mmCIF file of all heavy atoms, coordinates in Angstrom:
data_MODEL
# 
_entry.id   MODEL 
# 
loop_
_atom_site.group_PDB 
_atom_site.id 
_atom_site.type_symbol 
_atom_site.label_atom_id 
_atom_site.label_alt_id 
_atom_site.label_comp_id 
_atom_site.label_asym_id 
_atom_site.label_entity_id 
_atom_site.label_seq_id 
_atom_site.pdbx_PDB_ins_code 
_atom_site.Cartn_x 
_atom_site.Cartn_y 
_atom_site.Cartn_z 
_atom_site.occupancy 
_atom_site.B_iso_or_equiv 
_atom_site.pdbx_formal_charge 
_atom_site.auth_seq_id 
_atom_site.auth_comp_id 
_atom_site.auth_asym_id 
_atom_site.auth_atom_id 
_atom_site.pdbx_PDB_model_num 
ATOM 1   N N   . GLY A 1 1  ? -11.653 4.412   -9.163  1.00 0.00 ? 1  GLY A N   1 
ATOM 2   C CA  . GLY A 1 1  ? -10.504 4.521   -8.285  1.00 0.00 ? 1  GLY A CA  1 
ATOM 3   C C   . GLY A 1 1  ? -9.394  3.531   -8.562  1.00 0.00 ? 1  GLY A C   1 
ATOM 4   O O   . GLY A 1 1  ? -8.292  3.669   -8.042  1.00 0.00 ? 1  GLY A O   1 
ATOM 5   N N   . ASP A 1 2  ? -9.659  2.498   -9.385  1.00 0.00 ? 2  ASP A N   1 
ATOM 6   C CA  . ASP A 1 2  ? -8.631  1.517   -9.719  1.00 0.00 ? 2  ASP A CA  1 
ATOM 7   C C   . ASP A 1 2  ? -7.594  2.144   -10.652 1.00 0.00 ? 2  ASP A C   1 
ATOM 8   O O   . ASP A 1 2  ? -7.892  3.094   -11.386 1.00 0.00 ? 2  ASP A O   1 
ATOM 9   C CB  . ASP A 1 2  ? -9.235  0.293   -10.397 1.00 0.00 ? 2  ASP A CB  1 
ATOM 10  C CG  . ASP A 1 2  ? -10.097 -0.546  -9.471  1.00 0.00 ? 2  ASP A CG  1 
ATOM 11  O OD1 . ASP A 1 2  ? -10.102 -0.304  -8.248  1.00 0.00 ? 2  ASP A OD1 1 
ATOM 12  O OD2 . ASP A 1 2  ? -10.778 -1.458  -9.972  1.00 0.00 ? 2  ASP A OD2 1 
ATOM 13  N N   . ILE A 1 3  ? -6.376  1.571   -10.641 1.00 0.00 ? 3  ILE A N   1 
ATOM 14  C CA  . ILE A 1 3  ? -5.315  2.044   -11.532 1.00 0.00 ? 3  ILE A CA  1 
ATOM 15  C C   . ILE A 1 3  ? -4.782  0.864   -12.336 1.00 0.00 ? 3  ILE A C   1 
ATOM 16  O O   . ILE A 1 3  ? -4.417  -0.167  -11.770 1.00 0.00 ? 3  ILE A O   1 
ATOM 17  C CB  . ILE A 1 3  ? -4.160  2.707   -10.753 1.00 0.00 ? 3  ILE A CB  1 
ATOM 18  C CG1 . ILE A 1 3  ? -4.638  4.005   -10.111 1.00 0.00 ? 3  ILE A CG1 1 
ATOM 19  C CG2 . ILE A 1 3  ? -2.967  2.971   -11.670 1.00 0.00 ? 3  ILE A CG2 1 
ATOM 20  C CD1 . ILE A 1 3  ? -3.580  4.757   -9.358  1.00 0.00 ? 3  ILE A CD1 1 
ATOM 21  N N   . GLY A 1 4  ? -4.740  1.027   -13.647 1.00 0.00 ? 4  GLY A N   1 
ATOM 22  C CA  . GLY A 1 4  ? -4.172  0.026   -14.534 1.00 0.00 ? 4  GLY A CA  1 
ATOM 23  C C   . GLY A 1 4  ? -3.133  0.666   -15.417 1.00 0.00 ? 4  GLY A C   1 
ATOM 24  O O   . GLY A 1 4  ? -2.819  1.844   -15.282 1.00 0.00 ? 4  GLY A O   1 
ATOM 25  N N   . GLY A 1 5  ? -2.584  -0.119  -16.321 1.00 0.00 ? 5  GLY A N   1 
ATOM 26  C CA  . GLY A 1 5  ? -1.645  0.429   -17.282 1.00 0.00 ? 5  GLY A CA  1 
ATOM 27  C C   . GLY A 1 5  ? -0.211  0.423   -16.811 1.00 0.00 ? 5  GLY A C   1 
ATOM 28  O O   . GLY A 1 5  ? 0.243   -0.519  -16.184 1.00 0.00 ? 5  GLY A O   1 
ATOM 29  N N   . ALA A 1 6  ? 0.508   1.498   -17.108 1.00 0.00 ? 6  ALA A N   1 
ATOM 30  C CA  . ALA A 1 6  ? 1.962   1.552   -16.985 1.00 0.00 ? 6  ALA A CA  1 
ATOM 31  C C   . ALA A 1 6  ? 2.510   1.638   -15.563 1.00 0.00 ? 6  ALA A C   1 
ATOM 32  O O   . ALA A 1 6  ? 3.713   1.544   -15.369 1.00 0.00 ? 6  ALA A O   1 
ATOM 33  C CB  . ALA A 1 6  ? 2.478   2.744   -17.784 1.00 0.00 ? 6  ALA A CB  1 
ATOM 34  N N   . ALA A 1 7  ? 1.685   1.782   -14.557 1.00 0.00 ? 7  ALA A N   1 
ATOM 35  C CA  . ALA A 1 7  ? 2.177   1.993   -13.189 1.00 0.00 ? 7  ALA A CA  1 
ATOM 36  C C   . ALA A 1 7  ? 2.930   0.794   -12.619 1.00 0.00 ? 7  ALA A C   1 
ATOM 37  O O   . ALA A 1 7  ? 3.836   0.959   -11.796 1.00 0.00 ? 7  ALA A O   1 
ATOM 38  C CB  . ALA A 1 7  ? 1.024   2.369   -12.266 1.00 0.00 ? 7  ALA A CB  1 
ATOM 39  N N   . ALA A 1 8  ? 2.575   -0.430  -13.057 1.00 0.00 ? 8  ALA A N   1 
ATOM 40  C CA  . ALA A 1 8  ? 3.210   -1.624  -12.498 1.00 0.00 ? 8  ALA A CA  1 
ATOM 41  C C   . ALA A 1 8  ? 2.981   -2.815  -13.412 1.00 0.00 ? 8  ALA A C   1 
ATOM 42  O O   . ALA A 1 8  ? 2.026   -2.840  -14.179 1.00 0.00 ? 8  ALA A O   1 
ATOM 43  C CB  . ALA A 1 8  ? 2.620   -1.922  -11.117 1.00 0.00 ? 8  ALA A CB  1 
ATOM 44  N N   . TYR A 1 9  ? 3.890   -3.809  -13.307 1.00 0.00 ? 9  TYR A N   1 
ATOM 45  C CA  . TYR A 1 9  ? 3.694   -5.059  -14.030 1.00 0.00 ? 9  TYR A CA  1 
ATOM 46  C C   . TYR A 1 9  ? 4.181   -6.220  -13.173 1.00 0.00 ? 9  TYR A C   1 
ATOM 47  O O   . TYR A 1 9  ? 4.914   -6.020  -12.195 1.00 0.00 ? 9  TYR A O   1 
ATOM 48  C CB  . TYR A 1 9  ? 4.373   -5.042  -15.407 1.00 0.00 ? 9  TYR A CB  1 
ATOM 49  C CG  . TYR A 1 9  ? 5.885   -4.965  -15.374 1.00 0.00 ? 9  TYR A CG  1 
ATOM 50  C CD1 . TYR A 1 9  ? 6.663   -6.121  -15.269 1.00 0.00 ? 9  TYR A CD1 1 
ATOM 51  C CD2 . TYR A 1 9  ? 6.543   -3.750  -15.475 1.00 0.00 ? 9  TYR A CD2 1 
ATOM 52  C CE1 . TYR A 1 9  ? 8.043   -6.054  -15.251 1.00 0.00 ? 9  TYR A CE1 1 
ATOM 53  C CE2 . TYR A 1 9  ? 7.920   -3.675  -15.452 1.00 0.00 ? 9  TYR A CE2 1 
ATOM 54  C CZ  . TYR A 1 9  ? 8.668   -4.831  -15.350 1.00 0.00 ? 9  TYR A CZ  1 
ATOM 55  O OH  . TYR A 1 9  ? 10.037  -4.754  -15.327 1.00 0.00 ? 9  TYR A OH  1 
ATOM 56  N N   . ALA A 1 10 ? 3.766   -7.431  -13.541 1.00 0.00 ? 10 ALA A N   1 
ATOM 57  C CA  . ALA A 1 10 ? 4.125   -8.627  -12.778 1.00 0.00 ? 10 ALA A CA  1 
ATOM 58  C C   . ALA A 1 10 ? 5.593   -8.971  -13.013 1.00 0.00 ? 10 ALA A C   1 
ATOM 59  O O   . ALA A 1 10 ? 6.001   -9.239  -14.138 1.00 0.00 ? 10 ALA A O   1 
ATOM 60  C CB  . ALA A 1 10 ? 3.233   -9.796  -13.172 1.00 0.00 ? 10 ALA A CB  1 
ATOM 61  N N   . PHE A 1 11 ? 6.380   -8.963  -11.958 1.00 0.00 ? 11 PHE A N   1 
ATOM 62  C CA  . PHE A 1 11 ? 7.793   -9.310  -12.040 1.00 0.00 ? 11 PHE A CA  1 
ATOM 63  C C   . PHE A 1 11 ? 7.964   -10.824 -12.084 1.00 0.00 ? 11 PHE A C   1 
ATOM 64  O O   . PHE A 1 11 ? 8.923   -11.336 -12.635 1.00 0.00 ? 11 PHE A O   1 
ATOM 65  C CB  . PHE A 1 11 ? 8.530   -8.712  -10.837 1.00 0.00 ? 11 PHE A CB  1 
ATOM 66  C CG  . PHE A 1 11 ? 10.016  -8.735  -10.971 1.00 0.00 ? 11 PHE A CG  1 
ATOM 67  C CD1 . PHE A 1 11 ? 10.667  -7.871  -11.837 1.00 0.00 ? 11 PHE A CD1 1 
ATOM 68  C CD2 . PHE A 1 11 ? 10.780  -9.616  -10.222 1.00 0.00 ? 11 PHE A CD2 1 
ATOM 69  C CE1 . PHE A 1 11 ? 12.044  -7.886  -11.956 1.00 0.00 ? 11 PHE A CE1 1 
ATOM 70  C CE2 . PHE A 1 11 ? 12.161  -9.641  -10.334 1.00 0.00 ? 11 PHE A CE2 1 
ATOM 71  C CZ  . PHE A 1 11 ? 12.797  -8.772  -11.203 1.00 0.00 ? 11 PHE A CZ  1 
ATOM 72  N N   . ALA A 1 12 ? 7.007   -11.526 -11.492 1.00 0.00 ? 12 ALA A N   1 
ATOM 73  C CA  . ALA A 1 12 ? 6.992   -12.988 -11.493 1.00 0.00 ? 12 ALA A CA  1 
ATOM 74  C C   . ALA A 1 12 ? 5.546   -13.442 -11.647 1.00 0.00 ? 12 ALA A C   1 
ATOM 75  O O   . ALA A 1 12 ? 4.617   -12.688 -11.340 1.00 0.00 ? 12 ALA A O   1 
ATOM 76  C CB  . ALA A 1 12 ? 7.584   -13.537 -10.195 1.00 0.00 ? 12 ALA A CB  1 
ATOM 77  N N   . ALA A 1 13 ? 5.358   -14.664 -12.104 1.00 0.00 ? 13 ALA A N   1 
ATOM 78  C CA  . ALA A 1 13 ? 4.011   -15.216 -12.254 1.00 0.00 ? 13 ALA A CA  1 
ATOM 79  C C   . ALA A 1 13 ? 3.433   -15.574 -10.889 1.00 0.00 ? 13 ALA A C   1 
ATOM 80  O O   . ALA A 1 13 ? 4.172   -15.862 -9.940  1.00 0.00 ? 13 ALA A O   1 
ATOM 81  C CB  . ALA A 1 13 ? 4.057   -16.457 -13.132 1.00 0.00 ? 13 ALA A CB  1 
ATOM 82  N N   . ALA A 1 14 ? 2.108   -15.556 -10.782 1.00 0.00 ? 14 ALA A N   1 
ATOM 83  C CA  . ALA A 1 14 ? 1.405   -15.978 -9.565  1.00 0.00 ? 14 ALA A CA  1 
ATOM 84  C C   . ALA A 1 14 ? 0.051   -16.532 -9.987  1.00 0.00 ? 14 ALA A C   1 
ATOM 85  O O   . ALA A 1 14 ? -0.693  -15.882 -10.710 1.00 0.00 ? 14 ALA A O   1 
ATOM 86  C CB  . ALA A 1 14 ? 1.232   -14.812 -8.601  1.00 0.00 ? 14 ALA A CB  1 
ATOM 87  N N   . GLY A 1 15 ? -0.244  -17.736 -9.549  1.00 0.00 ? 15 GLY A N   1 
ATOM 88  C CA  . GLY A 1 15 ? -1.461  -18.408 -9.977  1.00 0.00 ? 15 GLY A CA  1 
ATOM 89  C C   . GLY A 1 15 ? -2.603  -18.298 -8.995  1.00 0.00 ? 15 GLY A C   1 
ATOM 90  O O   . GLY A 1 15 ? -2.515  -17.630 -7.953  1.00 0.00 ? 15 GLY A O   1 
ATOM 91  N N   . ASN A 1 16 ? -3.682  -18.987 -9.339  1.00 0.00 ? 16 ASN A N   1 
ATOM 92  C CA  . ASN A 1 16 ? -4.870  -19.060 -8.499  1.00 0.00 ? 16 ASN A CA  1 
ATOM 93  C C   . ASN A 1 16 ? -4.472  -19.605 -7.128  1.00 0.00 ? 16 ASN A C   1 
ATOM 94  O O   . ASN A 1 16 ? -3.770  -20.596 -7.040  1.00 0.00 ? 16 ASN A O   1 
ATOM 95  C CB  . ASN A 1 16 ? -5.903  -19.958 -9.175  1.00 0.00 ? 16 ASN A CB  1 
ATOM 96  C CG  . ASN A 1 16 ? -7.227  -19.974 -8.458  1.00 0.00 ? 16 ASN A CG  1 
ATOM 97  O OD1 . ASN A 1 16 ? -7.439  -19.263 -7.484  1.00 0.00 ? 16 ASN A OD1 1 
ATOM 98  N ND2 . ASN A 1 16 ? -8.133  -20.794 -8.952  1.00 0.00 ? 16 ASN A ND2 1 
ATOM 99  N N   . GLY A 1 17 ? -4.900  -18.963 -6.078  1.00 0.00 ? 17 GLY A N   1 
ATOM 100 C CA  . GLY A 1 17 ? -4.597  -19.378 -4.717  1.00 0.00 ? 17 GLY A CA  1 
ATOM 101 C C   . GLY A 1 17 ? -3.479  -18.586 -4.070  1.00 0.00 ? 17 GLY A C   1 
ATOM 102 O O   . GLY A 1 17 ? -3.384  -18.519 -2.854  1.00 0.00 ? 17 GLY A O   1 
ATOM 103 N N   . ALA A 1 18 ? -2.616  -17.966 -4.873  1.00 0.00 ? 18 ALA A N   1 
ATOM 104 C CA  . ALA A 1 18 ? -1.540  -17.137 -4.319  1.00 0.00 ? 18 ALA A CA  1 
ATOM 105 C C   . ALA A 1 18 ? -2.136  -15.847 -3.767  1.00 0.00 ? 18 ALA A C   1 
ATOM 106 O O   . ALA A 1 18 ? -3.016  -15.247 -4.387  1.00 0.00 ? 18 ALA A O   1 
ATOM 107 C CB  . ALA A 1 18 ? -0.508  -16.818 -5.389  1.00 0.00 ? 18 ALA A CB  1 
ATOM 108 N N   . THR A 1 19 ? -1.661  -15.423 -2.623  1.00 0.00 ? 19 THR A N   1 
ATOM 109 C CA  . THR A 1 19 ? -2.171  -14.199 -1.996  1.00 0.00 ? 19 THR A CA  1 
ATOM 110 C C   . THR A 1 19 ? -1.245  -13.011 -2.176  1.00 0.00 ? 19 THR A C   1 
ATOM 111 O O   . THR A 1 19 ? -1.609  -11.884 -1.855  1.00 0.00 ? 19 THR A O   1 
ATOM 112 C CB  . THR A 1 19 ? -2.418  -14.417 -0.492  1.00 0.00 ? 19 THR A CB  1 
ATOM 113 O OG1 . THR A 1 19 ? -1.186  -14.798 0.115   1.00 0.00 ? 19 THR A OG1 1 
ATOM 114 C CG2 . THR A 1 19 ? -3.477  -15.497 -0.258  1.00 0.00 ? 19 THR A CG2 1 
ATOM 115 N N   . THR A 1 20 ? -0.028  -13.265 -2.687  1.00 0.00 ? 20 THR A N   1 
ATOM 116 C CA  . THR A 1 20 ? 0.924   -12.181 -2.936  1.00 0.00 ? 20 THR A CA  1 
ATOM 117 C C   . THR A 1 20 ? 1.519   -12.340 -4.327  1.00 0.00 ? 20 THR A C   1 
ATOM 118 O O   . THR A 1 20 ? 1.418   -13.390 -4.961  1.00 0.00 ? 20 THR A O   1 
ATOM 119 C CB  . THR A 1 20 ? 2.065   -12.153 -1.895  1.00 0.00 ? 20 THR A CB  1 
ATOM 120 O OG1 . THR A 1 20 ? 2.790   -13.375 -1.958  1.00 0.00 ? 20 THR A OG1 1 
ATOM 121 C CG2 . THR A 1 20 ? 1.527   -11.909 -0.489  1.00 0.00 ? 20 THR A CG2 1 
ATOM 122 N N   . LEU A 1 21 ? 2.176   -11.273 -4.762  1.00 0.00 ? 21 LEU A N   1 
ATOM 123 C CA  . LEU A 1 21 ? 2.728   -11.212 -6.109  1.00 0.00 ? 21 LEU A CA  1 
ATOM 124 C C   . LEU A 1 21 ? 3.945   -10.294 -6.072  1.00 0.00 ? 21 LEU A C   1 
ATOM 125 O O   . LEU A 1 21 ? 3.924   -9.262  -5.404  1.00 0.00 ? 21 LEU A O   1 
ATOM 126 C CB  . LEU A 1 21 ? 1.659   -10.634 -7.042  1.00 0.00 ? 21 LEU A CB  1 
ATOM 127 C CG  . LEU A 1 21 ? 2.033   -10.253 -8.460  1.00 0.00 ? 21 LEU A CG  1 
ATOM 128 C CD1 . LEU A 1 21 ? 2.318   -11.500 -9.286  1.00 0.00 ? 21 LEU A CD1 1 
ATOM 129 C CD2 . LEU A 1 21 ? 0.896   -9.457  -9.092  1.00 0.00 ? 21 LEU A CD2 1 
ATOM 130 N N   . GLN A 1 22 ? 5.001   -10.656 -6.803  1.00 0.00 ? 22 GLN A N   1 
ATOM 131 C CA  . GLN A 1 22 ? 6.136   -9.746  -6.970  1.00 0.00 ? 22 GLN A CA  1 
ATOM 132 C C   . GLN A 1 22 ? 5.801   -8.780  -8.097  1.00 0.00 ? 22 GLN A C   1 
ATOM 133 O O   . GLN A 1 22 ? 5.508   -9.199  -9.219  1.00 0.00 ? 22 GLN A O   1 
ATOM 134 C CB  . GLN A 1 22 ? 7.410   -10.510 -7.292  1.00 0.00 ? 22 GLN A CB  1 
ATOM 135 C CG  . GLN A 1 22 ? 7.952   -11.290 -6.129  1.00 0.00 ? 22 GLN A CG  1 
ATOM 136 C CD  . GLN A 1 22 ? 9.268   -11.948 -6.486  1.00 0.00 ? 22 GLN A CD  1 
ATOM 137 O OE1 . GLN A 1 22 ? 9.972   -11.542 -7.402  1.00 0.00 ? 22 GLN A OE1 1 
ATOM 138 N NE2 . GLN A 1 22 ? 9.602   -12.983 -5.740  1.00 0.00 ? 22 GLN A NE2 1 
ATOM 139 N N   . VAL A 1 23 ? 5.821   -7.498  -7.767  1.00 0.00 ? 23 VAL A N   1 
ATOM 140 C CA  . VAL A 1 23 ? 5.418   -6.456  -8.707  1.00 0.00 ? 23 VAL A CA  1 
ATOM 141 C C   . VAL A 1 23 ? 6.556   -5.475  -8.910  1.00 0.00 ? 23 VAL A C   1 
ATOM 142 O O   . VAL A 1 23 ? 7.214   -5.061  -7.945  1.00 0.00 ? 23 VAL A O   1 
ATOM 143 C CB  . VAL A 1 23 ? 4.168   -5.708  -8.190  1.00 0.00 ? 23 VAL A CB  1 
ATOM 144 C CG1 . VAL A 1 23 ? 3.867   -4.474  -9.021  1.00 0.00 ? 23 VAL A CG1 1 
ATOM 145 C CG2 . VAL A 1 23 ? 2.967   -6.635  -8.174  1.00 0.00 ? 23 VAL A CG2 1 
ATOM 146 N N   . LYS A 1 24 ? 6.794   -5.098  -10.160 1.00 0.00 ? 24 LYS A N   1 
ATOM 147 C CA  . LYS A 1 24 ? 7.735   -4.045  -10.497 1.00 0.00 ? 24 LYS A CA  1 
ATOM 148 C C   . LYS A 1 24 ? 6.963   -2.745  -10.645 1.00 0.00 ? 24 LYS A C   1 
ATOM 149 O O   . LYS A 1 24 ? 6.088   -2.608  -11.495 1.00 0.00 ? 24 LYS A O   1 
ATOM 150 C CB  . LYS A 1 24 ? 8.445   -4.378  -11.818 1.00 0.00 ? 24 LYS A CB  1 
ATOM 151 C CG  . LYS A 1 24 ? 9.215   -3.222  -12.446 1.00 0.00 ? 24 LYS A CG  1 
ATOM 152 C CD  . LYS A 1 24 ? 10.429  -2.848  -11.670 1.00 0.00 ? 24 LYS A CD  1 
ATOM 153 C CE  . LYS A 1 24 ? 11.261  -1.841  -12.493 1.00 0.00 ? 24 LYS A CE  1 
ATOM 154 N NZ  . LYS A 1 24 ? 11.909  -0.869  -11.732 1.00 0.00 ? 24 LYS A NZ  1 
# 
């Protein structure tokens, strides 16, 4: 059920401990 590949990429970096991420 997971989705990888071309659907999205990291718009900004996010390290260990971060609970959110900017995604394109």
